[in-house]
Amino acid sequence: MAVALAFLTGCATLANNNQQVNIDSKPDHADVTIGKITGVTPMAVGVPGGWGIPRSIEIGKEGWQGQTVAVARGFRTSDLILDILPGLLLGPFPLLIDLMTGDFYYVSNTSYYVRLNPVK
C-alpha cells in the first residue's frame, strides 16, 4: 500500500478532474460551443483537463457578430517537481504518466464573459 501511494504522490493525474467553466454573454441566450459541448448562455460546464482541454469557446447569436475566445490554460509546475523528486527513488513512472496524459495542464480561467456586437 505504501509503495502504491509513493508512486502516486506527485502524479498530476490525481489532481486533474473536470473543471467547471462558467460562460456568459451579452446578450443572453447566445449559442456556445466549447470543444464537443454545446449550450446556451449563461451556462456552467465541466471540461476535461490535460490534453482534453478545449482550445477555444465559440459564441454566437443570430443578428450578432460571433466571437471565438481562447481557453486560458495553466501548468502545474509543482506537480512536475513532485513527479521528478520521487522519480529519483521510484523511477520515471509518475512523470511518464503525466506527460502522456497532459495532466500538468488545467483551465486557469474558469469564467468567461463575452459581449457580442450587433450585425450592422
Protein backbone atom coordinates (compact mmCIF):
# COMPACT_ATOMS: atom_id res chain seq x y z
CA MET A 1 0.00 0.00 0.00
CA ALA A 2 2.77 2.43 0.91
CA VAL A 3 4.54 1.69 -2.37
CA ALA A 4 1.36 2.44 -4.35
CA LEU A 5 0.89 5.73 -2.52
CA ALA A 6 4.52 6.63 -3.14
CA PHE A 7 4.06 6.10 -6.88
CA LEU A 8 1.05 8.39 -6.95
CA THR A 9 2.39 11.13 -4.67
CA GLY A 10 3.37 13.58 -7.36
CA CYS A 11 1.05 12.39 -10.08
CA ALA A 12 -0.89 15.32 -11.55
CA THR A 13 -3.43 12.79 -12.80
CA LEU A 14 -4.80 12.69 -9.26
CA ALA A 15 -5.42 16.46 -9.26
CA ASN A 16 -6.80 16.70 -12.76
CA ASN A 17 -10.56 16.33 -12.70
CA ASN A 18 -13.15 18.04 -14.84
CA GLN A 19 -13.20 21.74 -14.09
CA GLN A 20 -16.33 23.86 -14.11
CA VAL A 21 -16.19 26.72 -16.60
CA ASN A 22 -18.80 29.49 -16.48
CA ILE A 23 -19.72 31.20 -19.74
CA ASP A 24 -21.97 34.26 -20.00
CA SER A 25 -22.68 36.78 -22.70
CA LYS A 26 -24.46 39.95 -23.58
CA PRO A 27 -27.00 39.35 -24.99
CA ASP A 28 -28.17 36.30 -23.04
CA HIS A 29 -29.12 33.04 -24.75
CA ALA A 30 -26.22 33.04 -27.20
CA ASP A 31 -25.16 29.68 -28.65
CA VAL A 32 -21.94 28.27 -27.18
CA THR A 33 -19.57 25.60 -28.43
CA ILE A 34 -16.64 24.59 -26.23
CA GLY A 35 -14.91 21.52 -27.59
CA LYS A 36 -17.63 18.93 -28.22
CA ILE A 37 -20.01 20.59 -25.74
CA THR A 38 -22.80 22.91 -26.86
CA GLY A 39 -25.23 25.05 -24.89
CA VAL A 40 -26.73 28.48 -24.42
CA THR A 41 -25.52 31.31 -22.18
CA PRO A 42 -25.46 31.66 -19.28
CA MET A 43 -24.05 28.19 -18.69
CA ALA A 44 -21.69 26.24 -16.48
CA VAL A 45 -20.00 23.23 -17.99
CA GLY A 46 -17.43 20.67 -16.83
CA VAL A 47 -14.45 20.49 -19.16
CA PRO A 48 -11.68 17.90 -19.03
CA GLY A 49 -8.13 18.76 -18.07
CA GLY A 50 -4.86 17.72 -19.62
CA TRP A 51 -4.67 17.28 -23.38
CA GLY A 52 -8.52 17.26 -23.43
CA ILE A 53 -8.84 20.97 -22.56
CA PRO A 54 -10.75 22.67 -25.39
CA ARG A 55 -8.68 25.29 -27.23
CA SER A 56 -11.48 27.82 -27.66
CA ILE A 57 -15.04 28.86 -26.94
CA GLU A 58 -17.27 29.92 -29.84
CA ILE A 59 -20.21 32.19 -29.00
CA GLY A 60 -22.77 33.50 -31.44
CA LYS A 61 -26.36 34.55 -31.85
CA GLU A 62 -28.45 35.39 -34.88
CA GLY A 63 -28.21 39.13 -35.60
CA TRP A 64 -24.96 39.41 -33.64
CA GLN A 65 -21.29 39.04 -34.65
CA GLY A 66 -19.92 35.75 -33.33
CA GLN A 67 -16.72 35.60 -31.33
CA THR A 68 -14.11 32.97 -30.59
CA VAL A 69 -12.30 33.18 -27.25
CA ALA A 70 -9.19 31.19 -26.35
CA VAL A 71 -9.43 28.99 -23.26
CA ALA A 72 -6.68 30.02 -20.82
CA ARG A 73 -4.51 27.10 -19.74
CA GLY A 74 -2.19 26.81 -16.77
CA PHE A 75 0.69 24.45 -16.00
CA ARG A 76 1.15 22.71 -12.62
CA THR A 77 4.86 23.25 -12.05
CA SER A 78 4.59 21.92 -8.51
CA ASP A 79 3.29 18.58 -9.81
CA LEU A 80 6.19 18.37 -12.24
CA ILE A 81 8.61 18.82 -9.34
CA LEU A 82 6.70 16.26 -7.27
CA ASP A 83 6.93 13.81 -10.18
CA ILE A 84 10.69 14.30 -10.57
CA LEU A 85 11.69 14.08 -6.89
CA PRO A 86 10.04 10.70 -6.17
CA GLY A 87 11.32 9.62 -9.57
CA LEU A 88 14.81 9.57 -8.12
CA LEU A 89 13.71 6.65 -5.93
CA LEU A 90 10.73 5.18 -7.78
CA GLY A 91 11.68 5.58 -11.39
CA PRO A 92 10.06 7.71 -14.06
CA PHE A 93 6.51 6.28 -13.83
CA PRO A 94 4.65 9.30 -12.33
CA LEU A 95 6.40 11.66 -14.75
CA LEU A 96 5.74 9.44 -17.78
CA ILE A 97 2.04 9.07 -16.92
CA ASP A 98 1.55 12.82 -16.56
CA LEU A 99 3.47 13.56 -19.76
CA MET A 100 1.35 11.08 -21.72
CA THR A 101 -1.96 12.39 -20.36
CA GLY A 102 -1.02 16.08 -20.33
CA ASP A 103 -2.33 16.26 -16.79
CA PHE A 104 0.06 19.04 -15.84
CA TYR A 105 -2.35 21.36 -17.70
CA TYR A 106 -5.53 22.83 -16.24
CA VAL A 107 -8.02 25.57 -17.15
CA SER A 108 -6.59 28.67 -15.47
CA ASN A 109 -9.52 30.99 -16.21
CA THR A 110 -12.85 29.39 -15.34
CA SER A 111 -15.13 32.37 -16.00
CA TYR A 112 -15.73 33.92 -19.42
CA TYR A 113 -17.97 36.88 -20.29
CA VAL A 114 -18.36 37.86 -23.95
CA ARG A 115 -20.10 40.99 -25.21
CA LEU A 116 -21.38 40.42 -28.75
CA ASN A 117 -21.77 43.32 -31.19
CA PRO A 118 -24.89 43.64 -33.33
CA VAL A 119 -24.52 42.98 -37.06
CA LYS A 120 -24.79 46.26 -38.96
